[in-house]
């Protein structure tokens, strides 16, 4: 059970790092955070991201915060509201 909990924590931590990257890089609604910008950010802040990145992206997409783009992740209106603390 510890491994499952650990993987869930890794997914959540990776998702939080992705959200933080949107904010730090000032990505706005409808804009894409490119993987070439995201990967170094994640590597520096949460090196374990590689194991769970796709699951974290899927989690954020299910929440409506992002949409996958060919070269990165696009921030949705819901995602922008969450990242920048707007309550719609």
N, C-alpha and C. Protein backbone atom coordinates (compact mmCIF):
# COMPACT_ATOMS: atom_id res chain seq x y z
N UNK A 1 0.81 -1.20 0.00
CA UNK A 1 0.00 0.00 0.00
C UNK A 1 0.85 1.27 0.00
N UNK A 2 2.01 1.20 0.59
CA UNK A 2 2.87 2.37 0.64
C UNK A 2 3.24 2.83 -0.75
N UNK A 3 3.50 1.88 -1.66
CA UNK A 3 3.87 2.26 -3.02
C UNK A 3 2.73 2.98 -3.72
N UNK A 4 1.49 2.53 -3.52
CA UNK A 4 0.35 3.20 -4.13
C UNK A 4 0.23 4.61 -3.60
N UNK A 5 0.36 4.75 -2.30
CA UNK A 5 0.28 6.07 -1.68
C UNK A 5 1.40 6.96 -2.21
N UNK A 6 2.59 6.40 -2.33
CA UNK A 6 3.73 7.14 -2.82
C UNK A 6 3.51 7.60 -4.26
N UNK A 7 2.95 6.71 -5.10
CA UNK A 7 2.69 7.10 -6.48
C UNK A 7 1.63 8.19 -6.54
N UNK A 8 0.59 8.07 -5.72
CA UNK A 8 -0.44 9.11 -5.67
C UNK A 8 0.16 10.44 -5.24
N UNK A 9 1.05 10.41 -4.26
CA UNK A 9 1.74 11.63 -3.83
C UNK A 9 2.58 12.21 -4.96
N UNK A 10 3.29 11.34 -5.69
CA UNK A 10 4.10 11.80 -6.81
C UNK A 10 3.25 12.45 -7.88
N UNK A 11 2.09 11.87 -8.17
CA UNK A 11 1.19 12.45 -9.17
C UNK A 11 0.72 13.82 -8.70
N UNK A 12 0.29 13.91 -7.44
CA UNK A 12 -0.19 15.19 -6.90
C UNK A 12 0.93 16.23 -6.89
N UNK A 13 2.11 15.85 -6.46
CA UNK A 13 3.23 16.79 -6.43
C UNK A 13 3.62 17.26 -7.83
N UNK A 14 3.60 16.35 -8.78
CA UNK A 14 3.90 16.73 -10.16
C UNK A 14 2.83 17.67 -10.70
N UNK A 15 1.56 17.38 -10.42
CA UNK A 15 0.48 18.26 -10.87
C UNK A 15 0.63 19.65 -10.26
N UNK A 16 0.98 19.72 -8.98
CA UNK A 16 1.18 21.01 -8.33
C UNK A 16 2.36 21.76 -8.95
N UNK A 17 3.40 21.05 -9.31
CA UNK A 17 4.56 21.68 -9.96
C UNK A 17 4.18 22.21 -11.35
N UNK A 18 3.36 21.48 -12.07
CA UNK A 18 2.91 21.94 -13.39
C UNK A 18 2.10 23.22 -13.23
N UNK A 19 1.20 23.26 -12.26
CA UNK A 19 0.41 24.47 -12.00
C UNK A 19 1.33 25.63 -11.63
N UNK A 20 2.31 25.37 -10.78
CA UNK A 20 3.27 26.41 -10.38
C UNK A 20 4.06 26.92 -11.59
N UNK A 21 4.38 26.03 -12.52
CA UNK A 21 5.10 26.45 -13.72
C UNK A 21 4.27 27.41 -14.56
N UNK A 22 2.97 27.12 -14.70
CA UNK A 22 2.10 28.05 -15.43
C UNK A 22 2.17 29.44 -14.79
N UNK A 23 2.08 29.48 -13.47
CA UNK A 23 2.08 30.77 -12.77
C UNK A 23 3.42 31.48 -12.89
N UNK A 24 4.51 30.75 -12.62
CA UNK A 24 5.83 31.37 -12.65
C UNK A 24 6.18 31.89 -14.04
N UNK A 25 5.75 31.16 -15.07
CA UNK A 25 6.06 31.56 -16.44
C UNK A 25 4.98 32.47 -17.03
N UNK A 26 4.01 32.84 -16.20
CA UNK A 26 2.94 33.78 -16.55
C UNK A 26 2.19 33.38 -17.81
N UNK A 27 1.89 32.08 -17.92
CA UNK A 27 1.10 31.57 -19.03
C UNK A 27 -0.35 31.95 -18.78
N UNK A 28 -0.98 32.53 -19.78
CA UNK A 28 -2.36 32.99 -19.64
C UNK A 28 -3.33 32.02 -20.31
N UNK A 29 -4.60 32.22 -20.03
CA UNK A 29 -5.66 31.39 -20.62
C UNK A 29 -5.49 31.29 -22.13
N UNK A 30 -5.55 30.05 -22.63
CA UNK A 30 -5.44 29.81 -24.07
C UNK A 30 -4.01 29.70 -24.58
N UNK A 31 -3.04 30.02 -23.73
CA UNK A 31 -1.64 29.91 -24.13
C UNK A 31 -1.10 28.53 -23.77
N UNK A 32 -0.02 28.14 -24.43
CA UNK A 32 0.58 26.83 -24.21
C UNK A 32 1.89 26.96 -23.46
N UNK A 33 2.04 26.14 -22.44
CA UNK A 33 3.32 25.98 -21.77
C UNK A 33 4.03 24.85 -22.50
N UNK A 34 5.09 25.20 -23.20
CA UNK A 34 5.78 24.23 -24.04
C UNK A 34 6.62 23.28 -23.19
N UNK A 35 6.68 22.03 -23.65
CA UNK A 35 7.44 21.02 -22.93
C UNK A 35 8.90 21.43 -22.75
N UNK A 36 9.47 22.13 -23.73
CA UNK A 36 10.87 22.53 -23.62
C UNK A 36 11.08 23.52 -22.48
N UNK A 37 10.03 24.21 -22.06
CA UNK A 37 10.09 25.08 -20.88
C UNK A 37 9.73 24.30 -19.61
N UNK A 38 8.77 23.40 -19.73
CA UNK A 38 8.25 22.68 -18.57
C UNK A 38 9.23 21.66 -18.02
N UNK A 39 9.86 20.88 -18.89
CA UNK A 39 10.74 19.81 -18.42
C UNK A 39 11.88 20.30 -17.51
N UNK A 40 12.61 21.35 -17.90
CA UNK A 40 13.68 21.82 -16.99
C UNK A 40 13.11 22.31 -15.65
N UNK A 41 11.94 22.94 -15.70
CA UNK A 41 11.30 23.42 -14.48
C UNK A 41 10.98 22.25 -13.55
N UNK A 42 10.37 21.20 -14.11
CA UNK A 42 10.03 20.03 -13.30
C UNK A 42 11.29 19.32 -12.80
N UNK A 43 12.28 19.20 -13.65
CA UNK A 43 13.52 18.52 -13.26
C UNK A 43 14.16 19.21 -12.06
N UNK A 44 14.14 20.51 -12.06
CA UNK A 44 14.75 21.27 -10.97
C UNK A 44 13.95 21.17 -9.68
N UNK A 45 12.63 21.19 -9.78
CA UNK A 45 11.78 21.26 -8.59
C UNK A 45 11.26 19.92 -8.09
N UNK A 46 11.09 18.97 -9.02
CA UNK A 46 10.55 17.67 -8.61
C UNK A 46 11.05 16.59 -9.56
N UNK A 47 12.29 16.14 -9.37
CA UNK A 47 12.92 15.19 -10.29
C UNK A 47 12.16 13.88 -10.48
N UNK A 48 11.28 13.52 -9.55
CA UNK A 48 10.52 12.27 -9.68
C UNK A 48 9.39 12.38 -10.71
N UNK A 49 9.23 13.54 -11.32
CA UNK A 49 8.10 13.77 -12.22
C UNK A 49 8.04 12.79 -13.39
N UNK A 50 9.18 12.30 -13.85
CA UNK A 50 9.21 11.48 -15.07
C UNK A 50 8.34 10.24 -14.96
N UNK A 51 8.26 9.66 -13.77
CA UNK A 51 7.49 8.43 -13.58
C UNK A 51 5.98 8.66 -13.67
N UNK A 52 5.53 9.85 -13.37
CA UNK A 52 4.09 10.09 -13.25
C UNK A 52 3.58 11.29 -14.05
N UNK A 53 4.41 11.82 -14.92
CA UNK A 53 4.03 13.04 -15.64
C UNK A 53 2.72 12.88 -16.40
N UNK A 54 2.58 11.80 -17.15
CA UNK A 54 1.36 11.61 -17.96
C UNK A 54 0.13 11.50 -17.07
N UNK A 55 0.26 10.80 -15.93
CA UNK A 55 -0.86 10.69 -15.00
C UNK A 55 -1.22 12.05 -14.41
N UNK A 56 -0.20 12.86 -14.09
CA UNK A 56 -0.45 14.20 -13.56
C UNK A 56 -1.15 15.07 -14.60
N UNK A 57 -0.71 14.99 -15.85
CA UNK A 57 -1.37 15.75 -16.92
C UNK A 57 -2.81 15.30 -17.08
N UNK A 58 -3.03 13.99 -17.03
CA UNK A 58 -4.39 13.45 -17.15
C UNK A 58 -5.27 13.98 -16.01
N UNK A 59 -4.74 14.00 -14.80
CA UNK A 59 -5.46 14.52 -13.63
C UNK A 59 -5.85 15.98 -13.85
N UNK A 60 -4.90 16.79 -14.32
CA UNK A 60 -5.18 18.21 -14.54
C UNK A 60 -6.19 18.41 -15.68
N UNK A 61 -6.13 17.56 -16.69
CA UNK A 61 -7.09 17.64 -17.80
C UNK A 61 -8.49 17.27 -17.30
N UNK A 62 -8.59 16.24 -16.46
CA UNK A 62 -9.88 15.84 -15.91
C UNK A 62 -10.49 16.95 -15.06
N UNK A 63 -9.66 17.70 -14.38
CA UNK A 63 -10.12 18.82 -13.56
C UNK A 63 -10.53 20.01 -14.45
N UNK A 64 -10.14 19.96 -15.71
CA UNK A 64 -10.48 21.04 -16.64
C UNK A 64 -9.47 22.17 -16.64
N UNK A 65 -8.30 21.96 -16.05
CA UNK A 65 -7.31 23.02 -15.95
C UNK A 65 -6.46 23.16 -17.20
N UNK A 66 -6.23 22.05 -17.89
CA UNK A 66 -5.36 22.08 -19.08
C UNK A 66 -6.00 21.27 -20.20
N UNK A 67 -5.52 21.53 -21.40
CA UNK A 67 -5.80 20.69 -22.56
C UNK A 67 -4.44 20.32 -23.15
N UNK A 68 -4.28 19.06 -23.53
CA UNK A 68 -3.02 18.69 -24.18
C UNK A 68 -2.86 19.42 -25.51
N UNK A 69 -1.65 19.82 -25.79
CA UNK A 69 -1.31 20.44 -27.08
C UNK A 69 -0.15 19.61 -27.65
N UNK A 70 0.06 19.68 -28.95
CA UNK A 70 1.12 18.86 -29.56
C UNK A 70 2.50 19.08 -28.93
N UNK A 71 2.78 20.31 -28.51
CA UNK A 71 4.11 20.61 -28.00
C UNK A 71 4.12 21.08 -26.54
N UNK A 72 2.99 20.84 -25.85
CA UNK A 72 2.94 21.27 -24.45
C UNK A 72 1.54 21.14 -23.88
N UNK A 73 1.23 22.01 -22.93
CA UNK A 73 -0.05 21.99 -22.24
C UNK A 73 -0.68 23.37 -22.33
N UNK A 74 -1.94 23.42 -22.79
CA UNK A 74 -2.64 24.68 -22.92
C UNK A 74 -3.46 24.94 -21.66
N UNK A 75 -3.38 26.13 -21.13
CA UNK A 75 -4.13 26.52 -19.94
C UNK A 75 -5.55 26.91 -20.34
N UNK A 76 -6.53 26.30 -19.69
CA UNK A 76 -7.93 26.61 -19.96
C UNK A 76 -8.38 27.79 -19.09
N UNK A 77 -9.61 28.26 -19.32
CA UNK A 77 -10.16 29.34 -18.49
C UNK A 77 -10.25 28.88 -17.04
N UNK A 78 -10.74 27.67 -16.83
CA UNK A 78 -10.83 27.12 -15.48
C UNK A 78 -9.44 27.03 -14.85
N UNK A 79 -8.47 26.59 -15.64
CA UNK A 79 -7.10 26.50 -15.15
C UNK A 79 -6.53 27.86 -14.79
N UNK A 80 -6.78 28.85 -15.63
CA UNK A 80 -6.29 30.20 -15.36
C UNK A 80 -6.92 30.75 -14.09
N UNK A 81 -8.21 30.52 -13.91
CA UNK A 81 -8.88 30.95 -12.68
C UNK A 81 -8.24 30.31 -11.46
N UNK A 82 -7.91 29.02 -11.57
CA UNK A 82 -7.28 28.29 -10.46
C UNK A 82 -5.86 28.79 -10.21
N UNK A 83 -5.08 28.91 -11.28
CA UNK A 83 -3.67 29.32 -11.15
C UNK A 83 -3.56 30.72 -10.55
N UNK A 84 -4.40 31.63 -11.00
CA UNK A 84 -4.28 33.02 -10.59
C UNK A 84 -5.29 33.41 -9.52
N UNK A 85 -5.97 32.43 -8.93
CA UNK A 85 -6.82 32.65 -7.77
C UNK A 85 -8.11 33.39 -8.01
N UNK A 86 -8.64 33.29 -9.22
CA UNK A 86 -9.92 33.92 -9.52
C UNK A 86 -11.03 32.89 -9.28
N UNK A 87 -12.04 33.29 -8.61
CA UNK A 87 -13.18 32.40 -8.38
C UNK A 87 -14.32 32.83 -9.27
N UNK A 88 -14.55 32.04 -10.30
CA UNK A 88 -15.60 32.38 -11.26
C UNK A 88 -16.95 31.95 -10.74
